[in-house]
Amino acid sequence: MTTSCPSCGAALPGAAIRFCLACGARLPARDEATVTPRTADPGPPRPPGRAKTPPGRRGLLIGLVILVTFAGGGSAAYAMLHQKSAASAGTGHRRNAAGNSAAPASPAASSSAFPAASASEQGQLTQFLAFVRASATARTLVKTAVPQVAACTMTPADGITQLQQAITDRQNVITAMDALSVSAIPDGQSMRTDLGNVLQLSINADRDFIGWMQDPQSTLACPASTAPDTDYHTGLQVSAQAVQAKNDFLAIWNPLARQFQLPTYAQIDI
């Protein structure tokens, strides 16, 4: 309880008054106490270093950095993007010597000597070559058997065996050739038909020559007589028909064979 004026020191009455009667200074209330403000807990000491930037200033600084980056490095970034776009465009078109845009080279044209269709054509021709060679092998049997039997340097029995082998080989070629695809070969169907005619006519001629060899009178003397033998002359006539079929076949085969570096033939060889 205050008993004297804190301003002038005058004695104060016991009654509660608010102002000093001597000097008029305001007196503190009886129940008023001096309260010391509470200081907030400063927390653990912060390590020395840069002061923490308030959130508001941090956002402002980030925005300034982005602005400066685009302002200072924008031209470089644009150049990089433009360079990348030009490189991507270059993969789709090339420029020729005059500076004009040109279509890109075809991968097939650069990686293969032939386009896809020609490669398939070459593959089918290579497979077809096996049949041509088989026909040529059968032709060799006939070319040795007929003249040697006529000259008595081969017995008729051996000649007949060789001709029968030629017939079997030619029949096998006809059967196997029907299963071969010739869709990629120009005039492939005609070429296969012509070779089939060659083989069938040759088989017919072989049978006629076998009939001549089986005639005892035709082979009694040496050299063997061919003039009066009907089978022999019929064989010659059918062989002439086979020659025409061979020419038709070779007119298609030989140009293609030269194009793809495959063997060519003469009509006497097949």
C-alpha atoms as a PDB file:
ATOM      1  CA  MET A   1       0.000   0.000   0.000  1.00  0.00           C
ATOM      2  CA  THR A   2       1.424   3.409  -1.013  1.00  0.00           C
ATOM      3  CA  THR A   3       1.752   5.863   1.950  1.00  0.00           C
ATOM      4  CA  SER A   4       3.588   8.727   0.235  1.00  0.00           C
ATOM      5  CA  CYS A   5       3.423  10.328  -3.202  1.00  0.00           C
ATOM      6  CA  PRO A   6       6.088   8.906  -5.441  1.00  0.00           C
ATOM      7  CA  SER A   7       6.373  12.323  -7.125  1.00  0.00           C
ATOM      8  CA  CYS A   8       6.610  14.852  -4.244  1.00  0.00           C
ATOM      9  CA  GLY A   9       6.901  12.607  -1.153  1.00  0.00           C
ATOM     10  CA  ALA A  10       3.842  14.054   0.518  1.00  0.00           C
ATOM     11  CA  ALA A  11       2.019  11.810   2.951  1.00  0.00           C
ATOM     12  CA  LEU A  12      -1.087  10.249   1.593  1.00  0.00           C
ATOM     13  CA  PRO A  13      -4.256   9.587   3.586  1.00  0.00           C
ATOM     14  CA  GLY A  14      -5.325   6.018   4.227  1.00  0.00           C
ATOM     15  CA  ALA A  15      -8.285   6.302   1.943  1.00  0.00           C
ATOM     16  CA  ALA A  16      -7.861   5.153  -1.589  1.00  0.00           C
ATOM     17  CA  ILE A  17      -7.195   8.174  -3.767  1.00  0.00           C
ATOM     18  CA  ARG A  18      -5.989   8.334  -7.315  1.00  0.00           C
ATOM     19  CA  PHE A  19      -4.220  11.677  -7.316  1.00  0.00           C
ATOM     20  CA  CYS A  20      -1.747  13.265  -4.875  1.00  0.00           C
ATOM     21  CA  LEU A  21      -3.434  16.032  -2.836  1.00  0.00           C
ATOM     22  CA  ALA A  22      -0.173  17.972  -2.753  1.00  0.00           C
ATOM     23  CA  CYS A  23       1.119  17.830  -6.345  1.00  0.00           C
ATOM     24  CA  GLY A  24      -1.761  16.240  -8.254  1.00  0.00           C
ATOM     25  CA  ALA A  25       0.353  13.349  -9.645  1.00  0.00           C
ATOM     26  CA  ARG A  26      -1.488  10.175 -10.565  1.00  0.00           C
ATOM     27  CA  LEU A  27      -1.047   7.494  -7.995  1.00  0.00           C
ATOM     28  CA  PRO A  28      -0.848   3.785  -8.791  1.00  0.00           C
ATOM     29  CA  ALA A  29      -3.885   1.731  -7.979  1.00  0.00           C
ATOM     30  CA  ARG A  30      -3.763  -0.257  -4.793  1.00  0.00           C
ATOM     31  CA  ASP A  31      -4.016  -3.602  -6.546  1.00  0.00           C
ATOM     32  CA  GLU A  32      -1.812  -2.644  -9.468  1.00  0.00           C
ATOM     33  CA  ALA A  33       1.438  -4.621  -9.599  1.00  0.00           C
ATOM     34  CA  THR A  34       4.386  -4.274 -11.770  1.00  0.00           C
ATOM     35  CA  VAL A  35       4.522  -7.218 -14.114  1.00  0.00           C
ATOM     36  CA  THR A  36       7.706  -8.001 -15.877  1.00  0.00           C
ATOM     37  CA  PRO A  37       6.941  -8.971 -19.488  1.00  0.00           C
ATOM     38  CA  ARG A  38       7.810 -12.578 -20.285  1.00  0.00           C
ATOM     39  CA  THR A  39      10.516 -12.988 -22.793  1.00  0.00           C
ATOM     40  CA  ALA A  40       9.908 -15.599 -25.505  1.00  0.00           C
ATOM     41  CA  ASP A  41      12.112 -18.678 -25.412  1.00  0.00           C
ATOM     42  CA  PRO A  42      14.921 -17.949 -27.803  1.00  0.00           C
ATOM     43  CA  GLY A  43      15.400 -21.682 -28.428  1.00  0.00           C
ATOM     44  CA  PRO A  44      18.773 -23.362 -28.998  1.00  0.00           C
ATOM     45  CA  PRO A  45      21.565 -21.182 -30.276  1.00  0.00           C
ATOM     46  CA  ARG A  46      21.694 -20.984 -34.093  1.00  0.00           C
ATOM     47  CA  PRO A  47      25.010 -21.908 -35.742  1.00  0.00           C
ATOM     48  CA  PRO A  48      26.895 -19.029 -37.256  1.00  0.00           C
ATOM     49  CA  GLY A  49      26.181 -18.439 -40.897  1.00  0.00           C
ATOM     50  CA  ARG A  50      23.824 -16.678 -43.181  1.00  0.00           C
ATOM     51  CA  ALA A  51      20.664 -15.349 -41.662  1.00  0.00           C
ATOM     52  CA  LYS A  52      17.491 -17.218 -42.543  1.00  0.00           C
ATOM     53  CA  THR A  53      15.557 -15.493 -45.249  1.00  0.00           C
ATOM     54  CA  PRO A  54      11.915 -14.888 -44.433  1.00  0.00           C
ATOM     55  CA  PRO A  55       9.483 -16.880 -46.648  1.00  0.00           C
ATOM     56  CA  GLY A  56       8.172 -13.806 -48.355  1.00  0.00           C
ATOM     57  CA  ARG A  57      11.602 -12.578 -49.345  1.00  0.00           C
ATOM     58  CA  ARG A  58      12.627 -16.108 -50.422  1.00  0.00           C
ATOM     59  CA  GLY A  59       9.831 -16.290 -52.996  1.00  0.00           C
ATOM     60  CA  LEU A  60      10.780 -12.835 -54.227  1.00  0.00           C
ATOM     61  CA  LEU A  61      14.430 -13.843 -54.610  1.00  0.00           C
ATOM     62  CA  ILE A  62      13.518 -17.050 -56.506  1.00  0.00           C
ATOM     63  CA  GLY A  63      11.405 -15.052 -58.918  1.00  0.00           C
ATOM     64  CA  LEU A  64      14.260 -12.599 -59.478  1.00  0.00           C
ATOM     65  CA  VAL A  65      16.716 -15.464 -60.147  1.00  0.00           C
ATOM     66  CA  ILE A  66      14.374 -17.008 -62.737  1.00  0.00           C
ATOM     67  CA  LEU A  67      13.851 -13.643 -64.380  1.00  0.00           C
ATOM     68  CA  VAL A  68      17.589 -12.948 -64.524  1.00  0.00           C
ATOM     69  CA  THR A  69      18.286 -16.467 -65.870  1.00  0.00           C
ATOM     70  CA  PHE A  70      15.867 -16.074 -68.748  1.00  0.00           C
ATOM     71  CA  ALA A  71      16.975 -12.534 -69.398  1.00  0.00           C
ATOM     72  CA  GLY A  72      20.680 -13.383 -69.451  1.00  0.00           C
ATOM     73  CA  GLY A  73      20.582 -16.938 -70.830  1.00  0.00           C
ATOM     74  CA  GLY A  74      17.458 -16.794 -72.943  1.00  0.00           C
ATOM     75  CA  SER A  75      19.342 -16.393 -76.189  1.00  0.00           C
ATOM     76  CA  ALA A  76      21.536 -19.397 -75.399  1.00  0.00           C
ATOM     77  CA  ALA A  77      18.519 -21.528 -74.500  1.00  0.00           C
ATOM     78  CA  TYR A  78      16.769 -20.494 -77.705  1.00  0.00           C
ATOM     79  CA  ALA A  79      19.869 -21.356 -79.703  1.00  0.00           C
ATOM     80  CA  MET A  80      20.032 -24.823 -78.135  1.00  0.00           C
ATOM     81  CA  LEU A  81      16.355 -25.486 -78.836  1.00  0.00           C
ATOM     82  CA  HIS A  82      16.700 -24.218 -82.400  1.00  0.00           C
ATOM     83  CA  GLN A  83      19.765 -26.418 -82.925  1.00  0.00           C
ATOM     84  CA  LYS A  84      17.895 -29.476 -81.651  1.00  0.00           C
ATOM     85  CA  SER A  85      14.904 -28.762 -83.897  1.00  0.00           C
ATOM     86  CA  ALA A  86      17.177 -28.398 -86.905  1.00  0.00           C
ATOM     87  CA  ALA A  87      18.860 -31.707 -86.107  1.00  0.00           C
ATOM     88  CA  SER A  88      15.482 -33.436 -85.832  1.00  0.00           C
ATOM     89  CA  ALA A  89      14.356 -31.961 -89.134  1.00  0.00           C
ATOM     90  CA  GLY A  90      17.587 -33.106 -90.749  1.00  0.00           C
ATOM     91  CA  THR A  91      16.702 -36.722 -90.129  1.00  0.00           C
ATOM     92  CA  GLY A  92      13.593 -36.385 -92.289  1.00  0.00           C
ATOM     93  CA  HIS A  93      15.054 -34.381 -95.196  1.00  0.00           C
ATOM     94  CA  ARG A  94      18.493 -33.733 -96.558  1.00  0.00           C
ATOM     95  CA  ARG A  95      19.714 -30.925 -98.703  1.00  0.00           C
ATOM     96  CA  ASN A  96      21.298 -31.557-102.032  1.00  0.00           C
ATOM     97  CA  ALA A  97      24.238 -29.673-103.514  1.00  0.00           C
ATOM     98  CA  ALA A  98      21.958 -26.839-104.670  1.00  0.00           C
ATOM     99  CA  GLY A  99      20.577 -26.374-101.154  1.00  0.00           C
ATOM    100  CA  ASN A 100      17.122 -27.729-102.014  1.00  0.00           C
ATOM    101  CA  SER A 101      15.290 -30.100 -99.752  1.00  0.00           C
ATOM    102  CA  ALA A 102      15.561 -33.700-100.874  1.00  0.00           C
ATOM    103  CA  ALA A 103      13.826 -36.834 -99.658  1.00  0.00           C
ATOM    104  CA  PRO A 104      15.939 -39.153 -97.473  1.00  0.00           C
ATOM    105  CA  ALA A 105      17.572 -42.146 -99.085  1.00  0.00           C
ATOM    106  CA  SER A 106      15.621 -45.379 -98.805  1.00  0.00           C
ATOM    107  CA  PRO A 107      17.145 -47.831 -96.275  1.00  0.00           C
ATOM    108  CA  ALA A 108      16.535 -50.715 -98.688  1.00  0.00           C
ATOM    109  CA  ALA A 109      18.368 -48.924-101.504  1.00  0.00           C
ATOM    110  CA  SER A 110      21.433 -48.290 -99.335  1.00  0.00           C
ATOM    111  CA  SER A 111      21.628 -51.691 -97.637  1.00  0.00           C
ATOM    112  CA  SER A 112      20.923 -54.018-100.555  1.00  0.00           C
ATOM    113  CA  ALA A 113      22.015 -54.192-104.165  1.00  0.00           C
ATOM    114  CA  PHE A 114      18.492 -55.203-105.167  1.00  0.00           C
ATOM    115  CA  PRO A 115      15.088 -54.031-103.962  1.00  0.00           C
ATOM    116  CA  ALA A 116      12.931 -56.448-102.025  1.00  0.00           C
ATOM    117  CA  ALA A 117      11.077 -57.670-105.125  1.00  0.00           C
ATOM    118  CA  SER A 118      14.302 -58.401-107.021  1.00  0.00           C
ATOM    119  CA  ALA A 119      15.770 -60.250-104.045  1.00  0.00           C
ATOM    120  CA  SER A 120      12.726 -62.510-104.011  1.00  0.00           C
ATOM    121  CA  GLU A 121      13.018 -62.930-107.764  1.00  0.00           C
ATOM    122  CA  GLN A 122      16.656 -63.950-107.427  1.00  0.00           C
ATOM    123  CA  GLY A 123      15.789 -66.472-104.710  1.00  0.00           C
ATOM    124  CA  GLN A 124      13.114 -68.122-106.849  1.00  0.00           C
ATOM    125  CA  LEU A 125      15.401 -68.199-109.883  1.00  0.00           C
ATOM    126  CA  THR A 126      18.130 -69.843-107.820  1.00  0.00           C
ATOM    127  CA  GLN A 127      15.681 -72.533-106.724  1.00  0.00           C
ATOM    128  CA  PHE A 128      14.474 -72.971-110.298  1.00  0.00           C
ATOM    129  CA  LEU A 129      18.065 -73.465-111.438  1.00  0.00           C
ATOM    130  CA  ALA A 130      18.108 -76.873-109.719  1.00  0.00           C
ATOM    131  CA  PHE A 131      15.403 -78.097-112.109  1.00  0.00           C
ATOM    132  CA  VAL A 132      17.222 -76.753-115.151  1.00  0.00           C
ATOM    133  CA  ARG A 133      20.372 -78.569-114.086  1.00  0.00           C
ATOM    134  CA  ALA A 134      18.427 -81.788-113.565  1.00  0.00           C
ATOM    135  CA  SER A 135      17.064 -81.473-117.103  1.00  0.00           C
ATOM    136  CA  ALA A 136      20.607 -80.934-118.395  1.00  0.00           C
ATOM    137  CA  THR A 137      21.834 -84.063-116.557  1.00  0.00           C
ATOM    138  CA  ALA A 138      19.073 -86.150-118.110  1.00  0.00           C
ATOM    139  CA  ARG A 139      19.954 -84.708-121.519  1.00  0.00           C
ATOM    140  CA  THR A 140      23.563 -85.889-121.048  1.00  0.00           C
ATOM    141  CA  LEU A 141      22.357 -89.480-120.564  1.00  0.00           C
ATOM    142  CA  VAL A 142      20.432 -89.323-123.835  1.00  0.00           C
ATOM    143  CA  LYS A 143      23.253 -87.671-125.792  1.00  0.00           C
ATOM    144  CA  THR A 144      25.623 -90.497-124.853  1.00  0.00           C
ATOM    145  CA  ALA A 145      23.235 -93.456-125.102  1.00  0.00           C
ATOM    146  CA  VAL A 146      21.642 -92.937-128.558  1.00  0.00           C
ATOM    147  CA  PRO A 147      24.797 -92.276-130.639  1.00  0.00           C
ATOM    148  CA  GLN A 148      26.858 -94.927-128.821  1.00  0.00           C
ATOM    149  CA  VAL A 149      24.233 -97.619-129.344  1.00  0.00           C
ATOM    150  CA  ALA A 150      24.068 -96.612-133.025  1.00  0.00           C
ATOM    151  CA  ALA A 151      27.865 -96.854-133.250  1.00  0.00           C
ATOM    152  CA  CYS A 152      27.897-100.177-131.392  1.00  0.00           C
ATOM    153  CA  THR A 153      30.124 -98.711-128.669  1.00  0.00           C
ATOM    154  CA  MET A 154      27.337 -99.272-126.104  1.00  0.00           C
ATOM    155  CA  THR A 155      25.057-102.271-125.909  1.00  0.00           C
ATOM    156  CA  PRO A 156      21.336-101.737-126.456  1.00  0.00           C
ATOM    157  CA  ALA A 157      20.710-102.968-122.898  1.00  0.00           C
ATOM    158  CA  ASP A 158      22.993-100.310-121.423  1.00  0.00           C
ATOM    159  CA  GLY A 159      21.470 -97.685-123.696  1.00  0.00           C
ATOM    160  CA  ILE A 160      17.973 -98.606-122.556  1.00  0.00           C
ATOM    161  CA  THR A 161      19.052 -98.391-118.885  1.00  0.00           C
ATOM    162  CA  GLN A 162      20.396 -94.889-119.435  1.00  0.00           C
ATOM    163  CA  LEU A 163      17.264 -93.723-121.243  1.00  0.00           C
ATOM    164  CA  GLN A 164      15.033 -95.149-118.530  1.00  0.00           C
ATOM    165  CA  GLN A 165      17.080 -93.233-115.960  1.00  0.00           C
ATOM    166  CA  ALA A 166      16.655 -90.050-117.989  1.00  0.00           C
ATOM    167  CA  ILE A 167      12.889 -90.594-118.099  1.00  0.00           C
ATOM    168  CA  THR A 168      12.728 -91.097-114.309  1.00  0.00           C
ATOM    169  CA  ASP A 169      14.796 -87.962-113.666  1.00  0.00           C
ATOM    170  CA  ARG A 170      12.641 -85.851-115.973  1.00  0.00           C
ATOM    171  CA  GLN A 171       9.422 -87.080-114.410  1.00  0.00           C
ATOM    172  CA  ASN A 172      10.751 -86.226-110.947  1.00  0.00           C
ATOM    173  CA  VAL A 173      11.572 -82.713-112.114  1.00  0.00           C
ATOM    174  CA  ILE A 174       8.063 -82.195-113.489  1.00  0.00           C
ATOM    175  CA  THR A 175       6.515 -83.314-110.193  1.00  0.00           C
ATOM    176  CA  ALA A 176       8.791 -81.202-107.984  1.00  0.00           C
ATOM    177  CA  MET A 177       8.632 -78.128-110.219  1.00  0.00           C
ATOM    178  CA  ASP A 178       4.863 -77.825-109.825  1.00  0.00           C
ATOM    179  CA  ALA A 179       5.337 -76.990-106.116  1.00  0.00           C
ATOM    180  CA  LEU A 180       7.850 -74.175-106.754  1.00  0.00           C
ATOM    181  CA  SER A 181       6.584 -70.596-106.480  1.00  0.00           C
ATOM    182  CA  VAL A 182       7.505 -68.381-109.431  1.00  0.00           C
ATOM    183  CA  SER A 183       5.303 -65.417-108.492  1.00  0.00           C
ATOM    184  CA  ALA A 184       8.241 -62.968-108.268  1.00  0.00           C
ATOM    185  CA  ILE A 185       9.739 -63.943-111.649  1.00  0.00           C
ATOM    186  CA  PRO A 186       8.583 -61.990-114.719  1.00  0.00           C
ATOM    187  CA  ASP A 187       6.845 -64.520-117.018  1.00  0.00           C
ATOM    188  CA  GLY A 188       7.575 -67.116-114.339  1.00  0.00           C
ATOM    189  CA  GLN A 189       4.481 -69.151-115.137  1.00  0.00           C
ATOM    190  CA  SER A 190       5.343 -69.244-118.849  1.00  0.00           C
ATOM    191  CA  MET A 191       8.925 -70.206-118.049  1.00  0.00           C
ATOM    192  CA  ARG A 192       7.807 -73.100-115.871  1.00  0.00           C
ATOM    193  CA  THR A 193       5.279 -74.247-118.484  1.00  0.00           C
ATOM    194  CA  ASP A 194       7.925 -74.141-121.231  1.00  0.00           C
ATOM    195  CA  LEU A 195      10.372 -76.235-119.204  1.00  0.00           C
ATOM    196  CA  GLY A 196       7.578 -78.682-118.406  1.00  0.00           C
ATOM    197  CA  ASN A 197       6.917 -79.024-122.157  1.00  0.00           C
ATOM    198  CA  VAL A 198      10.634 -79.597-122.759  1.00  0.00           C
ATOM    199  CA  LEU A 199      10.731 -82.382-120.195  1.00  0.00           C
ATOM    200  CA  GLN A 200       7.525 -84.093-121.376  1.00  0.00           C
ATOM    201  CA  LEU A 201       8.473 -84.016-125.057  1.00  0.00           C
ATOM    202  CA  SER A 202      11.930 -85.316-124.174  1.00  0.00           C
ATOM    203  CA  ILE A 203      10.372 -88.182-122.221  1.00  0.00           C
ATOM    204  CA  ASN A 204       8.263 -89.077-125.279  1.00  0.00           C
ATOM    205  CA  ALA A 205      11.371 -89.030-127.485  1.00  0.00           C
ATOM    206  CA  ASP A 206      13.277 -91.185-124.985  1.00  0.00           C
ATOM    207  CA  ARG A 207      10.569 -93.828-125.155  1.00  0.00           C
ATOM    208  CA  ASP A 208      10.745 -93.848-128.952  1.00  0.00           C
ATOM    209  CA  PHE A 209      14.513 -94.349-128.842  1.00  0.00           C
ATOM    210  CA  ILE A 210      14.047 -97.193-126.356  1.00  0.00           C
ATOM    211  CA  GLY A 211      11.668 -98.832-128.854  1.00  0.00           C
ATOM    212  CA  TRP A 212      14.374 -98.560-131.525  1.00  0.00           C
ATOM    213  CA  MET A 213      16.989-100.118-129.207  1.00  0.00           C
ATOM    214  CA  GLN A 214      14.625-102.973-128.408  1.00  0.00           C
ATOM    215  CA  ASP A 215      14.252-103.852-132.119  1.00  0.00           C
ATOM    216  CA  PRO A 216      16.817-106.604-132.797  1.00  0.00           C
ATOM    217  CA  GLN A 217      16.969-105.896-136.508  1.00  0.00           C
ATOM    218  CA  SER A 218      17.980-102.292-135.915  1.00  0.00           C
ATOM    219  CA  THR A 219      21.033-103.273-133.903  1.00  0.00           C
ATOM    220  CA  LEU A 220      22.225-106.473-135.559  1.00  0.00           C
ATOM    221  CA  ALA A 221      24.765-104.778-137.782  1.00  0.00           C
ATOM    222  CA  CYS A 222      27.334-102.221-136.763  1.00  0.00           C
ATOM    223  CA  PRO A 223      26.928 -99.445-137.081  1.00  0.00           C
ATOM    224  CA  ALA A 224      23.271 -99.999-136.217  1.00  0.00           C
ATOM    225  CA  SER A 225      20.727 -99.240-138.906  1.00  0.00           C
ATOM    226  CA  THR A 226      18.434 -96.266-138.244  1.00  0.00           C
ATOM    227  CA  ALA A 227      16.983 -95.573-141.668  1.00  0.00           C
ATOM    228  CA  PRO A 228      14.170 -98.148-141.728  1.00  0.00           C
ATOM    229  CA  ASP A 229      13.233 -97.922-138.036  1.00  0.00           C
ATOM    230  CA  THR A 230       9.955 -96.126-137.329  1.00  0.00           C
ATOM    231  CA  ASP A 231      10.642 -95.679-133.619  1.00  0.00           C
ATOM    232  CA  TYR A 232      13.927 -93.987-134.321  1.00  0.00           C
ATOM    233  CA  HIS A 233      12.410 -91.489-136.778  1.00  0.00           C
ATOM    234  CA  THR A 234       9.487 -90.790-134.469  1.00  0.00           C
ATOM    235  CA  GLY A 235      12.009 -90.048-131.722  1.00  0.00           C
ATOM    236  CA  LEU A 236      13.737 -87.532-133.989  1.00  0.00           C
ATOM    237  CA  GLN A 237      10.444 -85.817-134.805  1.00  0.00           C
ATOM    238  CA  VAL A 238       9.466 -85.481-131.160  1.00  0.00           C
ATOM    239  CA  SER A 239      12.969 -84.243-130.358  1.00  0.00           C
ATOM    240  CA  ALA A 240      12.461 -81.467-132.925  1.00  0.00           C
ATOM    241  CA  GLN A 241       9.294 -80.427-131.132  1.00  0.00           C
ATOM    242  CA  ALA A 242      11.238 -80.405-127.870  1.00  0.00           C
ATOM    243  CA  VAL A 243      13.813 -78.076-129.470  1.00  0.00           C
ATOM    244  CA  GLN A 244      11.120 -75.460-130.076  1.00  0.00           C
ATOM    245  CA  ALA A 245       9.970 -75.720-126.466  1.00  0.00           C
ATOM    246  CA  LYS A 246      13.599 -75.362-125.340  1.00  0.00           C
ATOM    247  CA  ASN A 247      13.996 -72.164-127.363  1.00  0.00           C
ATOM    248  CA  ASP A 248      10.831 -70.737-125.809  1.00  0.00           C
ATOM    249  CA  PHE A 249      12.107 -71.568-122.324  1.00  0.00           C
ATOM    250  CA  LEU A 250      15.609 -70.192-122.872  1.00  0.00           C
ATOM    251  CA  ALA A 251      14.212 -66.943-124.288  1.00  0.00           C
ATOM    252  CA  ILE A 252      12.915 -66.251-120.768  1.00  0.00           C
ATOM    253  CA  TRP A 253      15.574 -67.985-118.686  1.00  0.00           C
ATOM    254  CA  ASN A 254      18.831 -66.734-120.209  1.00  0.00           C
ATOM    255  CA  PRO A 255      18.155 -62.941-119.859  1.00  0.00           C
ATOM    256  CA  LEU A 256      17.163 -63.418-116.231  1.00  0.00           C
ATOM    257  CA  ALA A 257      20.149 -65.687-115.599  1.00  0.00           C
ATOM    258  CA  ARG A 258      22.534 -63.072-116.990  1.00  0.00           C
ATOM    259  CA  GLN A 259      20.908 -60.379-114.840  1.00  0.00           C
ATOM    260  CA  PHE A 260      21.451 -62.364-111.643  1.00  0.00           C
ATOM    261  CA  GLN A 261      24.722 -64.022-112.716  1.00  0.00           C
ATOM    262  CA  LEU A 262      23.263 -67.531-113.009  1.00  0.00           C
ATOM    263  CA  PRO A 263      24.256 -70.133-115.639  1.00  0.00           C
ATOM    264  CA  THR A 264      22.867 -69.773-119.156  1.00  0.00           C
ATOM    265  CA  TYR A 265      22.155 -72.702-121.506  1.00  0.00           C
ATOM    266  CA  ALA A 266      21.876 -73.633-125.164  1.00  0.00           C
ATOM    267  CA  GLN A 267      18.968 -75.755-126.407  1.00  0.00           C
ATOM    268  CA  ILE A 268      21.257 -78.741-126.994  1.00  0.00           C
ATOM    269  CA  ASP A 269      22.199 -78.772-123.296  1.00  0.00           C
ATOM    270  CA  ILE A 270      18.780 -79.220-121.678  1.00  0.00           C
END
